[in-house]
Amino acid sequence: MTAQGTIVEDEGSAIFALAAELYPICRSITGDGVRETLAVLGRHVPIETTEVPTGDAVFDWTIPREWNIREAYIEHESGRRIVDMRNSNLHVMSYSAPVRTTMSLSELKPHIHTLPAQPDLIPYRTSYYAENWGFCMAHRDFEALSEGSYRVVIDSTLANGSLTYGEFFLRGEREDEILLSGHVCHPSLANDNCSGLALLTRLAQELSRRKTRYSYRFVFAPGTIGAIAWLARNETRVARITAGLVLSCVGDGGGPTYKRSRRGDAFVDDVMTHVVRHMAPSGSIIDFSPYGYDERQYCSPGFNLPVGLFQRSLFGTFPEYHTSADNLDFIKPEHLAESYRMIRAAIDVFEHNAAFVNLAPKCEPQLGRRGLYAGVGGDKDAPANNMAMLWVLNLSDGTHTLLDIAKRADMPFERIRLAAERLAANGLLAPKA
């Protein structure tokens, strides 16, 4: 393995370790679990948190009451606990109202959610905007419940408080921004979205050590309502967003999948289509739809921002989705590393895409006398590198960018970029004025 490959694999292990640290935290769209999650991320990059009070209007939505929970369990009259949140955060329906009572099995059953088609798995269920309470359990265990009375305890609070989101902003040479966003609301779902949060945090660390052309804004917000709140608080600033990506489900072995922005032909769509095609030929590029993750908020018609969605397996299509099978065994460091490498490749395009001018445009310049043309056999990359230089020279007329050339040549952007750097260093190419 090359040194660069080793570095990327090490990044995969580091991303996995951070995802594993996030996994046990009980998160929802508000509450201390979100704050704890942001505090963990904040040990790696300086995250600024914003609290949006309960009752605040954010466009057509209202910030709900804050939810916190200490424990939740169902105990049979025999003293045996059949469900206990201490064993899995998914056992309690998120945003469950407090309850402390005793009831019969027939009274309890309507409050229990299962997956009959996946009898060994615990489902993930929520009730954010309608006050309710409930539990989730494996259907096989549900069918084994015996008659008798059951002690039901959900020690939670629903009270005025706030919704919390976090941001990390990295100022570049330009005010134009690249937006990178992930949702922080799902409890104990490793792929959806401990993986995305961990990858974005690791990426923020790397970029903070570099001098960048663009400014980068990382947003860690609860799904839907958090992105809506962020947009409501930043409405006058979003015009600076040149490109954006929402990341989730980046740790499994499927895909990868890129979902285009609402515009369909934005710069980010060109970049990600090119990256997926060359780095994961079996991946998928799908059109925008108004369902999914927070790309649908960023791409709502009143904003129409150039923001796409990057995942491995597409949401809702893999059997582990929103179940207890989306655990730390489901995500792998090697898949996280590959996702990280692809997002880094996209950023490389953002940072280095430019138009150049051929300074010797009349016929081909003699590359051999400049030591640029590899005429000796044995170097397996030589033919592709030679062809990359010829493409760059031919299309560098001030109207084609490096990405345009990479697409036309059907070559990875990095190969075209390196060819341009070599030609410029030898006085054959100059940036367009």
Protein backbone atom coordinates (compact mmCIF):
# COMPACT_ATOMS: atom_id res chain seq x y z
CA MET A 1 0.00 0.00 0.00
CA THR A 2 1.23 3.49 -0.78
CA ALA A 3 1.99 6.00 1.96
CA GLN A 4 -1.04 8.01 0.86
CA GLY A 5 -3.19 4.88 1.00
CA THR A 6 -1.96 4.15 4.52
CA ILE A 7 -2.83 7.67 5.61
CA VAL A 8 -6.38 7.31 4.28
CA GLU A 9 -6.82 3.90 5.97
CA ASP A 10 -5.64 5.43 9.23
CA GLU A 11 -8.26 8.14 8.73
CA GLY A 12 -10.89 5.41 8.39
CA SER A 13 -9.88 3.97 11.75
CA ALA A 14 -9.93 7.41 13.37
CA ILE A 15 -13.38 8.16 11.93
CA PHE A 16 -14.66 4.79 13.18
CA ALA A 17 -13.31 5.49 16.67
CA LEU A 18 -15.13 8.82 16.82
CA ALA A 19 -18.35 7.24 15.53
CA ALA A 20 -18.03 4.59 18.25
CA GLU A 21 -17.71 7.34 20.87
CA LEU A 22 -20.89 8.99 19.59
CA TYR A 23 -22.88 5.78 19.28
CA PRO A 24 -24.02 5.31 22.93
CA ILE A 25 -25.34 8.87 23.34
CA CYS A 26 -29.13 9.15 23.49
CA ARG A 27 -29.90 11.97 21.03
CA SER A 28 -33.09 13.50 19.72
CA ILE A 29 -33.98 16.79 18.03
CA THR A 30 -33.46 18.70 21.29
CA GLY A 31 -31.96 18.11 24.69
CA ASP A 32 -28.79 17.25 26.51
CA GLY A 33 -27.98 14.37 24.18
CA VAL A 34 -27.49 16.82 21.32
CA ARG A 35 -25.34 19.04 23.54
CA GLU A 36 -23.24 16.07 24.66
CA THR A 37 -22.76 15.02 21.03
CA LEU A 38 -21.62 18.51 20.04
CA ALA A 39 -19.29 18.59 23.05
CA VAL A 40 -17.62 15.37 21.88
CA LEU A 41 -17.17 16.81 18.39
CA GLY A 42 -15.97 20.05 19.96
CA ARG A 43 -12.96 18.27 21.45
CA HIS A 44 -11.69 17.85 17.90
CA VAL A 45 -12.64 21.16 16.28
CA PRO A 46 -13.93 24.37 17.91
CA ILE A 47 -17.70 24.20 17.47
CA GLU A 48 -19.89 27.22 18.16
CA THR A 49 -23.31 26.23 19.47
CA THR A 50 -26.55 28.14 19.05
CA GLU A 51 -29.63 27.70 21.24
CA VAL A 52 -32.99 28.46 19.59
CA PRO A 53 -35.69 28.84 22.28
CA THR A 54 -38.85 26.79 22.48
CA GLY A 55 -41.70 28.61 20.78
CA ASP A 56 -39.55 30.52 18.29
CA ALA A 57 -41.03 30.58 14.82
CA VAL A 58 -38.68 29.32 12.10
CA PHE A 59 -40.54 29.87 8.85
CA ASP A 60 -43.65 27.63 9.01
CA TRP A 61 -42.33 25.64 11.98
CA THR A 62 -42.13 26.27 15.72
CA ILE A 63 -39.29 25.09 17.94
CA PRO A 64 -40.81 22.37 20.16
CA ARG A 65 -40.38 21.78 23.85
CA GLU A 66 -37.03 20.33 24.86
CA TRP A 67 -36.96 16.61 25.59
CA ASN A 68 -34.67 14.89 28.06
CA ILE A 69 -34.79 11.37 29.43
CA ARG A 70 -33.14 9.57 32.33
CA GLU A 71 -34.51 6.04 32.15
CA ALA A 72 -37.25 3.96 30.55
CA TYR A 73 -38.28 0.36 31.15
CA ILE A 74 -41.13 -2.15 31.18
CA GLU A 75 -41.14 -4.58 34.09
CA HIS A 76 -43.34 -7.66 34.41
CA GLU A 77 -45.05 -8.30 37.73
CA SER A 78 -42.51 -11.08 38.27
CA GLY A 79 -39.80 -8.41 38.52
CA ARG A 80 -38.25 -9.23 35.13
CA ARG A 81 -37.52 -6.23 32.93
CA ILE A 82 -38.52 -7.06 29.38
CA VAL A 83 -37.40 -3.72 27.95
CA ASP A 84 -34.76 -1.40 29.37
CA MET A 85 -33.38 1.70 27.73
CA ARG A 86 -30.03 0.96 29.40
CA ASN A 87 -29.64 -1.91 26.93
CA SER A 88 -30.52 0.15 23.85
CA ASN A 89 -31.55 3.75 23.32
CA LEU A 90 -33.89 2.51 20.62
CA HIS A 91 -36.07 0.74 23.20
CA VAL A 92 -37.87 4.00 23.98
CA MET A 93 -39.73 5.96 21.32
CA SER A 94 -37.93 9.28 20.94
CA TYR A 95 -39.76 12.23 22.49
CA SER A 96 -41.95 9.97 24.64
CA ALA A 97 -43.92 11.86 27.25
CA PRO A 98 -43.32 10.86 30.88
CA VAL A 99 -45.32 7.93 32.19
CA ARG A 100 -45.23 5.94 35.42
CA THR A 101 -48.05 3.44 35.73
CA THR A 102 -49.08 -0.21 35.89
CA MET A 103 -51.19 -1.77 33.16
CA SER A 104 -52.28 -5.06 31.66
CA LEU A 105 -50.67 -6.61 28.62
CA SER A 106 -53.64 -5.70 26.43
CA GLU A 107 -53.35 -2.06 27.53
CA LEU A 108 -49.59 -2.05 26.96
CA LYS A 109 -49.46 -3.64 23.51
CA PRO A 110 -50.68 -0.57 21.53
CA HIS A 111 -47.68 1.33 22.91
CA ILE A 112 -45.11 -1.19 21.67
CA HIS A 113 -43.59 -0.94 18.18
CA THR A 114 -42.00 -3.93 16.45
CA LEU A 115 -40.89 -5.12 13.02
CA PRO A 116 -42.75 -8.35 12.22
CA ALA A 117 -40.76 -8.77 8.99
CA GLN A 118 -37.48 -8.43 10.93
CA PRO A 119 -38.41 -10.17 14.17
CA ASP A 120 -34.99 -9.97 15.83
CA LEU A 121 -34.48 -6.23 15.37
CA ILE A 122 -35.56 -3.20 17.39
CA PRO A 123 -37.09 -0.41 15.28
CA TYR A 124 -36.33 3.31 15.62
CA ARG A 125 -39.50 5.34 16.21
CA THR A 126 -40.20 8.99 17.05
CA SER A 127 -43.11 11.22 17.99
CA TYR A 128 -41.67 14.72 17.87
CA TYR A 129 -44.73 16.85 17.21
CA ALA A 130 -47.61 14.82 18.69
CA GLU A 131 -47.39 14.06 22.41
CA ASN A 132 -47.31 10.32 22.89
CA TRP A 133 -45.26 7.61 24.53
CA GLY A 134 -44.08 4.21 23.46
CA PHE A 135 -41.46 1.48 23.46
CA CYS A 136 -39.72 -0.51 20.73
CA MET A 137 -38.65 -4.12 20.94
CA ALA A 138 -37.86 -7.18 18.85
CA HIS A 139 -41.04 -8.76 17.50
CA ARG A 140 -39.91 -12.22 18.63
CA ASP A 141 -39.70 -10.96 22.23
CA PHE A 142 -43.02 -9.16 21.84
CA GLU A 143 -44.77 -12.38 20.82
CA ALA A 144 -43.33 -14.12 23.90
CA LEU A 145 -44.88 -11.66 26.38
CA SER A 146 -46.98 -13.36 29.02
CA GLU A 147 -50.18 -12.16 30.62
CA GLY A 148 -50.01 -10.22 33.84
CA SER A 149 -49.49 -6.67 34.99
CA TYR A 150 -46.61 -4.53 33.79
CA ARG A 151 -44.84 -1.64 35.45
CA VAL A 152 -44.20 1.05 32.80
CA VAL A 153 -41.74 3.86 33.49
CA ILE A 154 -40.54 6.62 31.19
CA ASP A 155 -38.64 9.15 33.29
CA SER A 156 -38.56 12.00 30.77
CA THR A 157 -39.32 15.70 30.63
CA LEU A 158 -40.95 17.85 27.98
CA ALA A 159 -40.39 21.45 28.99
CA ASN A 160 -39.57 24.87 27.61
CA GLY A 161 -35.92 24.95 26.65
CA SER A 162 -34.22 25.17 23.29
CA LEU A 163 -33.01 23.43 20.18
CA THR A 164 -29.22 23.26 19.81
CA TYR A 165 -27.13 23.23 16.66
CA GLY A 166 -23.39 23.55 16.14
CA GLU A 167 -21.15 25.17 13.52
CA PHE A 168 -17.49 25.17 12.66
CA PHE A 169 -16.42 27.90 10.24
CA LEU A 170 -13.09 27.91 8.45
CA ARG A 171 -12.32 31.18 6.68
CA GLY A 172 -10.57 30.86 3.34
CA GLU A 173 -9.20 33.35 0.84
CA ARG A 174 -12.72 33.94 -0.50
CA GLU A 175 -16.01 34.71 1.20
CA ASP A 176 -17.66 32.08 -1.02
CA GLU A 177 -18.57 29.11 1.15
CA ILE A 178 -18.73 25.35 0.84
CA LEU A 179 -21.45 24.01 3.17
CA LEU A 180 -21.00 20.57 4.75
CA SER A 181 -23.90 19.38 6.88
CA GLY A 182 -24.86 16.36 8.98
CA HIS A 183 -27.79 15.57 11.28
CA VAL A 184 -27.19 14.99 15.01
CA CYS A 185 -30.59 13.70 16.13
CA HIS A 186 -30.50 9.91 15.69
CA PRO A 187 -29.67 7.81 18.78
CA SER A 188 -27.47 4.75 18.49
CA LEU A 189 -27.66 4.43 14.71
CA ALA A 190 -24.06 3.98 13.62
CA ASN A 191 -24.44 4.56 9.90
CA ASP A 192 -27.28 7.06 10.23
CA ASN A 193 -25.60 9.25 11.33
CA CYS A 194 -22.67 8.69 13.68
CA SER A 195 -20.68 7.94 10.53
CA GLY A 196 -21.48 11.27 8.87
CA LEU A 197 -20.79 13.33 11.97
CA ALA A 198 -17.46 11.61 12.56
CA LEU A 199 -16.35 11.96 8.94
CA LEU A 200 -17.26 15.66 8.80
CA THR A 201 -15.40 16.32 12.04
CA ARG A 202 -12.28 14.57 10.79
CA LEU A 203 -12.51 16.51 7.54
CA ALA A 204 -12.86 19.78 9.46
CA GLN A 205 -9.68 18.91 11.36
CA GLU A 206 -7.76 18.32 8.15
CA LEU A 207 -8.99 21.47 6.42
CA SER A 208 -8.17 23.59 9.46
CA ARG A 209 -4.51 22.73 8.89
CA ARG A 210 -4.62 23.94 5.29
CA LYS A 211 -4.80 27.28 3.56
CA THR A 212 -7.98 27.07 1.51
CA ARG A 213 -9.35 29.04 -1.38
CA TYR A 214 -12.97 28.70 -0.27
CA SER A 215 -14.40 29.22 3.18
CA TYR A 216 -15.92 26.10 4.71
CA ARG A 217 -18.95 25.96 6.98
CA PHE A 218 -19.73 22.75 8.85
CA VAL A 219 -23.25 22.53 10.27
CA PHE A 220 -24.21 19.88 12.83
CA ALA A 221 -27.96 20.22 13.37
CA PRO A 222 -30.96 18.07 14.27
CA GLY A 223 -32.65 16.72 11.15
CA THR A 224 -35.33 18.84 9.47
CA ILE A 225 -36.16 21.27 12.29
CA GLY A 226 -32.47 21.94 12.98
CA ALA A 227 -31.65 22.73 9.36
CA ILE A 228 -34.78 24.88 9.15
CA ALA A 229 -33.71 26.77 12.29
CA TRP A 230 -30.20 27.26 10.88
CA LEU A 231 -31.59 28.60 7.61
CA ALA A 232 -33.95 30.93 9.48
CA ARG A 233 -31.04 32.31 11.51
CA ASN A 234 -28.74 32.65 8.46
CA GLU A 235 -31.12 33.70 5.70
CA THR A 236 -29.08 36.78 4.73
CA ARG A 237 -25.80 34.81 4.50
CA VAL A 238 -26.71 31.77 2.43
CA ALA A 239 -26.12 33.57 -0.88
CA ARG A 240 -22.41 32.96 -0.24
CA ILE A 241 -22.86 29.18 -0.54
CA THR A 242 -21.21 28.07 -3.78
CA ALA A 243 -21.64 24.35 -3.19
CA GLY A 244 -22.77 22.07 -0.42
CA LEU A 245 -23.07 18.44 0.65
CA VAL A 246 -25.23 16.71 3.21
CA LEU A 247 -23.54 13.56 4.53
CA SER A 248 -25.20 10.54 6.11
CA CYS A 249 -24.85 6.76 5.99
CA VAL A 250 -21.23 6.89 4.84
CA GLY A 251 -19.90 3.84 6.72
CA ASP A 252 -21.53 0.79 5.11
CA GLY A 253 -20.37 -1.16 2.08
CA GLY A 254 -23.08 -0.16 -0.38
CA GLY A 255 -23.24 2.44 -3.10
CA PRO A 256 -21.91 5.03 -3.04
CA THR A 257 -24.84 7.23 -3.98
CA TYR A 258 -24.95 10.89 -4.90
CA LYS A 259 -28.28 12.70 -5.05
CA ARG A 260 -28.19 15.84 -7.16
CA SER A 261 -29.25 19.25 -5.92
CA ARG A 262 -32.63 20.64 -6.94
CA ARG A 263 -30.87 22.61 -9.68
CA GLY A 264 -29.52 19.40 -11.16
CA ASP A 265 -26.66 21.11 -12.97
CA ALA A 266 -24.92 22.96 -10.16
CA PHE A 267 -21.14 22.93 -9.78
CA VAL A 268 -21.41 20.44 -6.91
CA ASP A 269 -23.44 18.10 -9.15
CA ASP A 270 -20.71 18.17 -11.82
CA VAL A 271 -18.02 17.61 -9.21
CA MET A 272 -19.70 14.70 -7.43
CA THR A 273 -20.76 13.03 -10.68
CA HIS A 274 -17.15 13.13 -11.84
CA VAL A 275 -15.78 11.89 -8.49
CA VAL A 276 -18.23 8.98 -8.23
CA ARG A 277 -17.71 7.97 -11.86
CA HIS A 278 -13.93 7.73 -11.51
CA MET A 279 -13.56 6.55 -7.93
CA ALA A 280 -16.55 4.20 -7.66
CA PRO A 281 -17.78 3.21 -11.14
CA SER A 282 -20.48 0.99 -9.64
CA GLY A 283 -21.92 3.95 -7.70
CA SER A 284 -25.17 5.70 -8.49
CA ILE A 285 -26.11 9.26 -9.41
CA ILE A 286 -29.78 9.97 -8.76
CA ASP A 287 -31.95 12.98 -9.39
CA PHE A 288 -33.22 15.30 -6.69
CA SER A 289 -36.50 14.53 -4.94
CA PRO A 290 -38.11 16.49 -2.09
CA TYR A 291 -37.69 13.61 0.34
CA GLY A 292 -34.61 12.49 2.20
CA TYR A 293 -32.34 14.41 4.54
CA ASP A 294 -31.64 18.10 5.01
CA GLU A 295 -30.76 18.66 1.36
CA ARG A 296 -34.51 19.11 0.88
CA GLN A 297 -34.45 22.11 3.25
CA TYR A 298 -31.37 23.69 1.65
CA CYS A 299 -32.91 23.02 -1.78
CA SER A 300 -36.41 24.31 -0.93
CA PRO A 301 -37.59 26.77 -3.62
CA GLY A 302 -37.12 29.83 -1.43
CA PHE A 303 -33.41 29.02 -1.10
CA ASN A 304 -32.62 26.64 -4.00
CA LEU A 305 -29.07 26.22 -2.75
CA PRO A 306 -26.59 24.07 -4.70
CA VAL A 307 -26.55 21.28 -2.11
CA GLY A 308 -26.51 17.55 -2.83
CA LEU A 309 -26.60 14.42 -0.68
CA PHE A 310 -23.75 11.90 -0.42
CA GLN A 311 -24.31 8.44 1.07
CA ARG A 312 -23.11 4.90 0.65
CA SER A 313 -26.37 2.92 0.60
CA LEU A 314 -29.35 5.16 -0.14
CA PHE A 315 -31.56 5.86 2.87
CA GLY A 316 -34.48 3.48 3.30
CA THR A 317 -33.06 0.85 0.94
CA PHE A 318 -30.91 -1.29 3.25
CA PRO A 319 -32.47 -3.68 5.79
CA GLU A 320 -30.49 -2.25 8.71
CA TYR A 321 -31.95 1.24 8.14
CA HIS A 322 -33.61 2.66 11.28
CA THR A 323 -33.17 -0.57 13.23
CA SER A 324 -30.87 -1.92 15.91
CA ALA A 325 -28.91 -3.66 13.15
CA ASP A 326 -27.46 -0.24 12.27
CA ASN A 327 -24.83 -0.80 14.92
CA LEU A 328 -21.06 -0.55 15.08
CA ASP A 329 -20.69 -3.94 13.36
CA PHE A 330 -22.51 -2.55 10.33
CA ILE A 331 -19.99 0.21 9.57
CA LYS A 332 -16.36 -0.51 8.71
CA PRO A 333 -13.20 1.64 8.79
CA GLU A 334 -12.43 0.74 5.17
CA HIS A 335 -15.81 2.05 3.98
CA LEU A 336 -15.42 5.20 6.06
CA ALA A 337 -11.95 5.65 4.56
CA GLU A 338 -13.31 5.31 1.02
CA SER A 339 -16.09 7.82 1.73
CA TYR A 340 -13.53 10.19 3.22
CA ARG A 341 -11.29 9.83 0.18
CA MET A 342 -14.18 10.69 -2.13
CA ILE A 343 -15.18 13.79 -0.21
CA ARG A 344 -11.54 14.88 -0.13
CA ALA A 345 -11.39 14.39 -3.89
CA ALA A 346 -14.43 16.64 -4.28
CA ILE A 347 -12.79 19.30 -2.13
CA ASP A 348 -9.68 18.99 -4.27
CA VAL A 349 -11.83 19.93 -7.27
CA PHE A 350 -13.42 22.84 -5.40
CA GLU A 351 -10.01 24.12 -4.39
CA HIS A 352 -8.08 23.66 -7.63
CA ASN A 353 -10.57 23.98 -10.47
CA ALA A 354 -9.56 26.90 -12.69
CA ALA A 355 -9.14 27.91 -16.31
CA PHE A 356 -5.67 28.15 -17.87
CA VAL A 357 -4.14 29.52 -21.05
CA ASN A 358 -1.70 27.59 -23.23
CA LEU A 359 1.36 29.82 -23.69
CA ALA A 360 2.52 27.87 -26.79
CA PRO A 361 -0.81 27.35 -28.57
CA LYS A 362 0.46 26.99 -32.15
CA CYS A 363 0.92 23.27 -32.62
CA GLU A 364 2.11 21.00 -29.83
CA PRO A 365 5.11 22.22 -27.84
CA GLN A 366 8.01 19.81 -27.69
CA LEU A 367 7.52 18.14 -24.36
CA GLY A 368 10.48 15.79 -24.67
CA ARG A 369 13.17 18.46 -24.58
CA ARG A 370 11.60 19.81 -21.40
CA GLY A 371 11.74 16.37 -19.76
CA LEU A 372 7.94 16.17 -19.68
CA TYR A 373 7.26 13.43 -22.20
CA ALA A 374 8.06 9.95 -20.91
CA GLY A 375 9.51 8.13 -23.87
CA VAL A 376 11.05 5.21 -21.98
CA GLY A 377 8.86 2.18 -21.31
CA GLY A 378 8.18 0.60 -17.94
CA ASP A 379 6.20 3.37 -16.26
CA LYS A 380 2.61 2.13 -16.37
CA ASP A 381 1.26 5.63 -15.68
CA ALA A 382 3.33 7.32 -18.39
CA PRO A 383 0.84 6.96 -21.27
CA ALA A 384 -2.03 8.38 -19.18
CA ASN A 385 0.15 11.20 -17.85
CA ASN A 386 1.32 12.06 -21.36
CA MET A 387 -2.24 12.09 -22.65
CA ALA A 388 -3.34 14.27 -19.71
CA MET A 389 -0.75 16.89 -20.66
CA LEU A 390 -1.88 16.84 -24.28
CA TRP A 391 -5.51 17.32 -23.24
CA VAL A 392 -4.62 20.18 -20.91
CA LEU A 393 -2.56 21.91 -23.61
CA ASN A 394 -5.25 21.46 -26.23
CA LEU A 395 -8.18 22.73 -24.17
CA SER A 396 -6.45 25.43 -22.14
CA ASP A 397 -7.85 28.31 -24.16
CA GLY A 398 -9.18 30.28 -21.20
CA THR A 399 -12.72 28.92 -21.60
CA HIS A 400 -12.31 25.39 -20.26
CA THR A 401 -11.69 24.67 -16.59
CA LEU A 402 -9.66 21.73 -15.38
CA LEU A 403 -12.90 19.94 -14.50
CA ASP A 404 -14.15 20.55 -18.05
CA ILE A 405 -10.94 19.02 -19.37
CA ALA A 406 -11.13 16.04 -16.99
CA LYS A 407 -14.69 15.32 -18.13
CA ARG A 408 -13.79 15.67 -21.82
CA ALA A 409 -10.69 13.50 -21.44
CA ASP A 410 -12.55 11.01 -19.23
CA MET A 411 -9.75 11.15 -16.69
CA PRO A 412 -9.66 11.70 -12.92
CA PHE A 413 -9.44 15.35 -11.97
CA GLU A 414 -6.25 14.76 -9.98
CA ARG A 415 -4.39 13.50 -13.04
CA ILE A 416 -5.44 16.57 -15.03
CA ARG A 417 -4.54 18.90 -12.15
CA LEU A 418 -1.07 17.41 -11.79
CA ALA A 419 -0.53 17.67 -15.54
CA ALA A 420 -1.46 21.35 -15.40
CA GLU A 421 0.95 21.93 -12.52
CA ARG A 422 3.81 20.31 -14.46
CA LEU A 423 3.07 22.34 -17.58
CA ALA A 424 2.83 25.58 -15.61
CA ALA A 425 6.11 24.85 -13.84
CA ASN A 426 7.75 24.54 -17.26
CA GLY A 427 6.39 27.79 -18.62
CA LEU A 428 3.80 26.27 -20.95
CA LEU A 429 0.67 27.20 -19.04
CA ALA A 430 -0.60 30.17 -17.05
CA PRO A 431 -3.80 30.84 -15.09
CA LYS A 432 -6.40 32.79 -17.01
CA ALA A 433 -6.10 36.45 -16.04
